[in-house]
PDB file of N, CA and C in Angstrom:
ATOM      1  N   ARG A   1     -35.216   7.162  -8.349  1.00  0.00           N
ATOM      2  CA  ARG A   1     -34.004   6.454  -8.760  1.00  0.00           C
ATOM      3  C   ARG A   1     -33.964   6.414 -10.270  1.00  0.00           C
ATOM      4  N   LYS A   2     -32.882   6.941 -10.805  1.00  0.00           N
ATOM      5  CA  LYS A   2     -32.765   6.999 -12.263  1.00  0.00           C
ATOM      6  C   LYS A   2     -32.319   5.662 -12.831  1.00  0.00           C
ATOM      7  N   GLY A   3     -32.582   5.465 -14.103  1.00  0.00           N
ATOM      8  CA  GLY A   3     -32.062   4.289 -14.787  1.00  0.00           C
ATOM      9  C   GLY A   3     -32.843   3.039 -14.469  1.00  0.00           C
ATOM     10  N   GLY A   4     -32.157   2.028 -14.037  1.00  0.00           N
ATOM     11  CA  GLY A   4     -32.766   0.736 -13.799  1.00  0.00           C
ATOM     12  C   GLY A   4     -31.738  -0.307 -14.150  1.00  0.00           C
ATOM     13  N   GLN A   5     -32.128  -1.544 -14.065  1.00  0.00           N
ATOM     14  CA  GLN A   5     -31.174  -2.614 -14.321  1.00  0.00           C
ATOM     15  C   GLN A   5     -30.877  -2.726 -15.814  1.00  0.00           C
ATOM     16  N   ILE A   6     -29.599  -2.805 -16.139  1.00  0.00           N
ATOM     17  CA  ILE A   6     -29.247  -3.038 -17.539  1.00  0.00           C
ATOM     18  C   ILE A   6     -28.452  -4.327 -17.623  1.00  0.00           C
ATOM     19  N   ARG A   7     -28.553  -5.004 -18.754  1.00  0.00           N
ATOM     20  CA  ARG A   7     -27.800  -6.238 -18.961  1.00  0.00           C
ATOM     21  C   ARG A   7     -26.525  -5.890 -19.712  1.00  0.00           C
ATOM     22  N   PHE A   8     -25.413  -6.337 -19.188  1.00  0.00           N
ATOM     23  CA  PHE A   8     -24.158  -6.102 -19.886  1.00  0.00           C
ATOM     24  C   PHE A   8     -24.008  -7.116 -21.005  1.00  0.00           C
ATOM     25  N   SER A   9     -23.354  -6.709 -22.088  1.00  0.00           N
ATOM     26  CA  SER A   9     -23.117  -7.641 -23.192  1.00  0.00           C
ATOM     27  C   SER A   9     -22.071  -8.668 -22.762  1.00  0.00           C
ATOM     28  N   VAL A  10     -22.005  -9.766 -23.494  1.00  0.00           N
ATOM     29  CA  VAL A  10     -21.023 -10.820 -23.208  1.00  0.00           C
ATOM     30  C   VAL A  10     -19.610 -10.231 -23.255  1.00  0.00           C
ATOM     31  N   ASN A  11     -19.355  -9.387 -24.261  1.00  0.00           N
ATOM     32  CA  ASN A  11     -18.026  -8.769 -24.404  1.00  0.00           C
ATOM     33  C   ASN A  11     -17.675  -7.885 -23.211  1.00  0.00           C
ATOM     34  N   GLN A  12     -18.658  -7.115 -22.752  1.00  0.00           N
ATOM     35  CA  GLN A  12     -18.421  -6.251 -21.599  1.00  0.00           C
ATOM     36  C   GLN A  12     -18.101  -7.100 -20.373  1.00  0.00           C
ATOM     37  N   THR A  13     -18.911  -8.128 -20.150  1.00  0.00           N
ATOM     38  CA  THR A  13     -18.713  -8.998 -18.988  1.00  0.00           C
ATOM     39  C   THR A  13     -17.346  -9.674 -19.046  1.00  0.00           C
ATOM     40  N   THR A  14     -16.976 -10.154 -20.234  1.00  0.00           N
ATOM     41  CA  THR A  14     -15.677 -10.816 -20.405  1.00  0.00           C
ATOM     42  C   THR A  14     -14.536  -9.864 -20.061  1.00  0.00           C
ATOM     43  N   ASP A  15     -14.610  -8.636 -20.568  1.00  0.00           N
ATOM     44  CA  ASP A  15     -13.577  -7.629 -20.290  1.00  0.00           C
ATOM     45  C   ASP A  15     -13.496  -7.307 -18.803  1.00  0.00           C
ATOM     46  N   LEU A  16     -14.664  -7.135 -18.186  1.00  0.00           N
ATOM     47  CA  LEU A  16     -14.710  -6.814 -16.758  1.00  0.00           C
ATOM     48  C   LEU A  16     -14.155  -7.971 -15.930  1.00  0.00           C
ATOM     49  N   GLU A  17     -14.539  -9.184 -16.288  1.00  0.00           N
ATOM     50  CA  GLU A  17     -14.054 -10.373 -15.569  1.00  0.00           C
ATOM     51  C   GLU A  17     -12.536 -10.529 -15.693  1.00  0.00           C
ATOM     52  N   LYS A  18     -12.014 -10.287 -16.891  1.00  0.00           N
ATOM     53  CA  LYS A  18     -10.561 -10.382 -17.111  1.00  0.00           C
ATOM     54  C   LYS A  18      -9.819  -9.427 -16.188  1.00  0.00           C
ATOM     55  N   LYS A  19     -10.328  -8.196 -16.111  1.00  0.00           N
ATOM     56  CA  LYS A  19      -9.701  -7.187 -15.252  1.00  0.00           C
ATOM     57  C   LYS A  19      -9.826  -7.604 -13.785  1.00  0.00           C
ATOM     58  N   PHE A  20     -10.980  -8.150 -13.434  1.00  0.00           N
ATOM     59  CA  PHE A  20     -11.226  -8.549 -12.046  1.00  0.00           C
ATOM     60  C   PHE A  20     -10.268  -9.658 -11.602  1.00  0.00           C
ATOM     61  N   GLU A  21      -9.919 -10.546 -12.523  1.00  0.00           N
ATOM     62  CA  GLU A  21      -8.984 -11.639 -12.202  1.00  0.00           C
ATOM     63  C   GLU A  21      -7.650 -11.104 -11.707  1.00  0.00           C
ATOM     64  N   THR A  22      -7.196 -10.003 -12.309  1.00  0.00           N
ATOM     65  CA  THR A  22      -5.892  -9.456 -11.941  1.00  0.00           C
ATOM     66  C   THR A  22      -5.996  -8.320 -10.926  1.00  0.00           C
ATOM     67  N   HIS A  23      -7.105  -7.597 -10.934  1.00  0.00           N
ATOM     68  CA  HIS A  23      -7.287  -6.465 -10.016  1.00  0.00           C
ATOM     69  C   HIS A  23      -8.669  -6.514  -9.384  1.00  0.00           C
ATOM     70  N   LYS A  24      -8.715  -6.814  -8.086  1.00  0.00           N
ATOM     71  CA  LYS A  24     -10.008  -6.828  -7.390  1.00  0.00           C
ATOM     72  C   LYS A  24     -10.508  -5.400  -7.155  1.00  0.00           C
ATOM     73  N   TYR A  25      -9.568  -4.466  -7.085  1.00  0.00           N
ATOM     74  CA  TYR A  25      -9.910  -3.061  -6.868  1.00  0.00           C
ATOM     75  C   TYR A  25      -9.291  -2.225  -7.974  1.00  0.00           C
ATOM     76  N   LEU A  26     -10.044  -1.222  -8.443  1.00  0.00           N
ATOM     77  CA  LEU A  26      -9.551  -0.345  -9.507  1.00  0.00           C
ATOM     78  C   LEU A  26      -9.258   1.037  -8.945  1.00  0.00           C
ATOM     79  N   SER A  27      -8.195   1.649  -9.432  1.00  0.00           N
ATOM     80  CA  SER A  27      -7.956   3.058  -9.113  1.00  0.00           C
ATOM     81  C   SER A  27      -8.942   3.876  -9.957  1.00  0.00           C
ATOM     82  N   PRO A  28      -9.217   5.111  -9.537  1.00  0.00           N
ATOM     83  CA  PRO A  28     -10.129   5.945 -10.342  1.00  0.00           C
ATOM     84  C   PRO A  28      -9.696   6.040 -11.807  1.00  0.00           C
ATOM     85  N   ASN A  29      -8.386   6.097 -12.027  1.00  0.00           N
ATOM     86  CA  ASN A  29      -7.886   6.192 -13.398  1.00  0.00           C
ATOM     87  C   ASN A  29      -8.126   4.899 -14.178  1.00  0.00           C
ATOM     88  N   GLU A  30      -7.856   3.766 -13.546  1.00  0.00           N
ATOM     89  CA  GLU A  30      -8.105   2.470 -14.194  1.00  0.00           C
ATOM     90  C   GLU A  30      -9.588   2.324 -14.524  1.00  0.00           C
ATOM     91  N   ARG A  31     -10.419   2.784 -13.598  1.00  0.00           N
ATOM     92  CA  ARG A  31     -11.865   2.695 -13.791  1.00  0.00           C
ATOM     93  C   ARG A  31     -12.306   3.524 -15.000  1.00  0.00           C
ATOM     94  N   LYS A  32     -11.725   4.719 -15.115  1.00  0.00           N
ATOM     95  CA  LYS A  32     -12.055   5.602 -16.242  1.00  0.00           C
ATOM     96  C   LYS A  32     -11.675   4.948 -17.573  1.00  0.00           C
ATOM     97  N   LEU A  33     -10.466   4.382 -17.634  1.00  0.00           N
ATOM     98  CA  LEU A  33      -9.991   3.743 -18.865  1.00  0.00           C
ATOM     99  C   LEU A  33     -10.830   2.520 -19.217  1.00  0.00           C
ATOM    100  N   LEU A  34     -11.139   1.700 -18.208  1.00  0.00           N
ATOM    101  CA  LEU A  34     -11.930   0.500 -18.442  1.00  0.00           C
ATOM    102  C   LEU A  34     -13.346   0.868 -18.895  1.00  0.00           C
ATOM    103  N   ALA A  35     -13.938   1.877 -18.256  1.00  0.00           N
ATOM    104  CA  ALA A  35     -15.286   2.321 -18.619  1.00  0.00           C
ATOM    105  C   ALA A  35     -15.329   2.763 -20.080  1.00  0.00           C
ATOM    106  N   ALA A  36     -14.313   3.507 -20.496  1.00  0.00           N
ATOM    107  CA  ALA A  36     -14.250   3.971 -21.883  1.00  0.00           C
ATOM    108  C   ALA A  36     -14.117   2.784 -22.832  1.00  0.00           C
ATOM    109  N   ARG A  37     -13.306   1.808 -22.442  1.00  0.00           N
ATOM    110  CA  ARG A  37     -13.071   0.655 -23.311  1.00  0.00           C
ATOM    111  C   ARG A  37     -14.328  -0.194 -23.495  1.00  0.00           C
ATOM    112  N   VAL A  38     -15.071  -0.412 -22.416  1.00  0.00           N
ATOM    113  CA  VAL A  38     -16.262  -1.276 -22.528  1.00  0.00           C
ATOM    114  C   VAL A  38     -17.538  -0.467 -22.788  1.00  0.00           C
ATOM    115  N   LYS A  39     -17.370   0.854 -22.959  1.00  0.00           N
ATOM    116  CA  LYS A  39     -18.499   1.744 -23.266  1.00  0.00           C
ATOM    117  C   LYS A  39     -19.595   1.704 -22.197  1.00  0.00           C
ATOM    118  N   LEU A  40     -19.152   1.867 -20.940  1.00  0.00           N
ATOM    119  CA  LEU A  40     -20.078   1.993 -19.814  1.00  0.00           C
ATOM    120  C   LEU A  40     -19.677   3.252 -19.050  1.00  0.00           C
ATOM    121  N   THR A  41     -20.544   3.702 -18.139  1.00  0.00           N
ATOM    122  CA  THR A  41     -20.161   4.850 -17.313  1.00  0.00           C
ATOM    123  C   THR A  41     -19.226   4.354 -16.210  1.00  0.00           C
ATOM    124  N   GLU A  42     -18.475   5.287 -15.629  1.00  0.00           N
ATOM    125  CA  GLU A  42     -17.583   4.918 -14.523  1.00  0.00           C
ATOM    126  C   GLU A  42     -18.397   4.369 -13.361  1.00  0.00           C
ATOM    127  N   LYS A  43     -19.575   4.945 -13.161  1.00  0.00           N
ATOM    128  CA  LYS A  43     -20.431   4.494 -12.062  1.00  0.00           C
ATOM    129  C   LYS A  43     -20.864   3.039 -12.270  1.00  0.00           C
ATOM    130  N   GLN A  44     -21.183   2.686 -13.515  1.00  0.00           N
ATOM    131  CA  GLN A  44     -21.581   1.303 -13.812  1.00  0.00           C
ATOM    132  C   GLN A  44     -20.425   0.341 -13.544  1.00  0.00           C
ATOM    133  N   VAL A  45     -19.214   0.758 -13.918  1.00  0.00           N
ATOM    134  CA  VAL A  45     -18.032  -0.083 -13.695  1.00  0.00           C
ATOM    135  C   VAL A  45     -17.779  -0.219 -12.193  1.00  0.00           C
ATOM    136  N   LYS A  46     -17.898   0.893 -11.475  1.00  0.00           N
ATOM    137  CA  LYS A  46     -17.696   0.890 -10.020  1.00  0.00           C
ATOM    138  C   LYS A  46     -18.678  -0.074  -9.354  1.00  0.00           C
ATOM    139  N   THR A  47     -19.943   0.034  -9.736  1.00  0.00           N
ATOM    140  CA  THR A  47     -20.982  -0.823  -9.159  1.00  0.00           C
ATOM    141  C   THR A  47     -20.761  -2.280  -9.529  1.00  0.00           C
ATOM    142  N   TRP A  48     -20.351  -2.533 -10.780  1.00  0.00           N
ATOM    143  CA  TRP A  48     -20.087  -3.910 -11.208  1.00  0.00           C
ATOM    144  C   TRP A  48     -18.999  -4.525 -10.333  1.00  0.00           C
ATOM    145  N   PHE A  49     -17.928  -3.754 -10.092  1.00  0.00           N
ATOM    146  CA  PHE A  49     -16.825  -4.262  -9.266  1.00  0.00           C
ATOM    147  C   PHE A  49     -17.258  -4.474  -7.815  1.00  0.00           C
ATOM    148  N   GLN A  50     -18.097  -3.585  -7.284  1.00  0.00           N
ATOM    149  CA  GLN A  50     -18.605  -3.765  -5.915  1.00  0.00           C
ATOM    150  C   GLN A  50     -19.399  -5.058  -5.818  1.00  0.00           C
ATOM    151  N   ASN A  51     -20.285  -5.268  -6.779  1.00  0.00           N
ATOM    152  CA  ASN A  51     -21.120  -6.474  -6.780  1.00  0.00           C
ATOM    153  C   ASN A  51     -20.289  -7.722  -7.018  1.00  0.00           C
ATOM    154  N   ARG A  52     -19.305  -7.604  -7.902  1.00  0.00           N
ATOM    155  CA  ARG A  52     -18.463  -8.763  -8.222  1.00  0.00           C
ATOM    156  C   ARG A  52     -17.605  -9.166  -7.018  1.00  0.00           C
ATOM    157  N   ARG A  53     -17.104  -8.155  -6.266  1.00  0.00           N
ATOM    158  CA  ARG A  53     -16.324  -8.460  -5.058  1.00  0.00           C
ATOM    159  C   ARG A  53     -17.197  -9.122  -4.006  1.00  0.00           C
ATOM    160  N   ALA A  54     -18.441  -8.695  -3.905  1.00  0.00           N
ATOM    161  CA  ALA A  54     -19.375  -9.304  -2.951  1.00  0.00           C
ATOM    162  C   ALA A  54     -19.607 -10.768  -3.313  1.00  0.00           C
ATOM    163  N   LYS A  55     -19.782 -11.034  -4.599  1.00  0.00           N
ATOM    164  CA  LYS A  55     -19.979 -12.403  -5.088  1.00  0.00           C
ATOM    165  C   LYS A  55     -18.737 -13.246  -4.813  1.00  0.00           C
ATOM    166  N   TRP A  56     -17.564 -12.651  -5.074  1.00  0.00           N
ATOM    167  CA  TRP A  56     -16.285 -13.322  -4.868  1.00  0.00           C
ATOM    168  C   TRP A  56     -16.095 -13.695  -3.391  1.00  0.00           C
ATOM    169  N   ARG A  57     -16.468 -12.760  -2.493  1.00  0.00           N
ATOM    170  CA  ARG A  57     -16.353 -13.043  -1.052  1.00  0.00           C
ATOM    171  C   ARG A  57     -17.300 -14.157  -0.636  1.00  0.00           C
ATOM    172  N   ARG A  58     -18.499 -14.153  -1.207  1.00  0.00           N
ATOM    173  CA  ARG A  58     -19.475 -15.215  -0.889  1.00  0.00           C
ATOM    174  C   ARG A  58     -18.970 -16.583  -1.318  1.00  0.00           C
ATOM    175  N   LEU A  59     -18.301 -16.628  -2.482  1.00  0.00           N
ATOM    176  CA  LEU A  59     -17.880 -17.907  -3.054  1.00  0.00           C
ATOM    177  C   LEU A  59     -16.533 -18.391  -2.528  1.00  0.00           C
ATOM    178  N   LYS A  60     -15.803 -17.515  -1.838  1.00  0.00           N
ATOM    179  CA  LYS A  60     -14.463 -17.871  -1.374  1.00  0.00           C
ATOM    180  C   LYS A  60     -14.473 -19.043  -0.404  1.00  0.00           C
TER     181      LYS A  60
END
């Protein structure tokens, strides 16, 4: 398994959370744009959203 756990910066988390408030799911294009903006890979953004939706479902 490549990589490992990375900690997102406060700014990255804030940006991701803002997007999550309005969009629980991202289109591939939205994901690409968001990844570029927060300087993460698309895969990292995809995984963040998967984990965030799981957390959201748990807390609902």
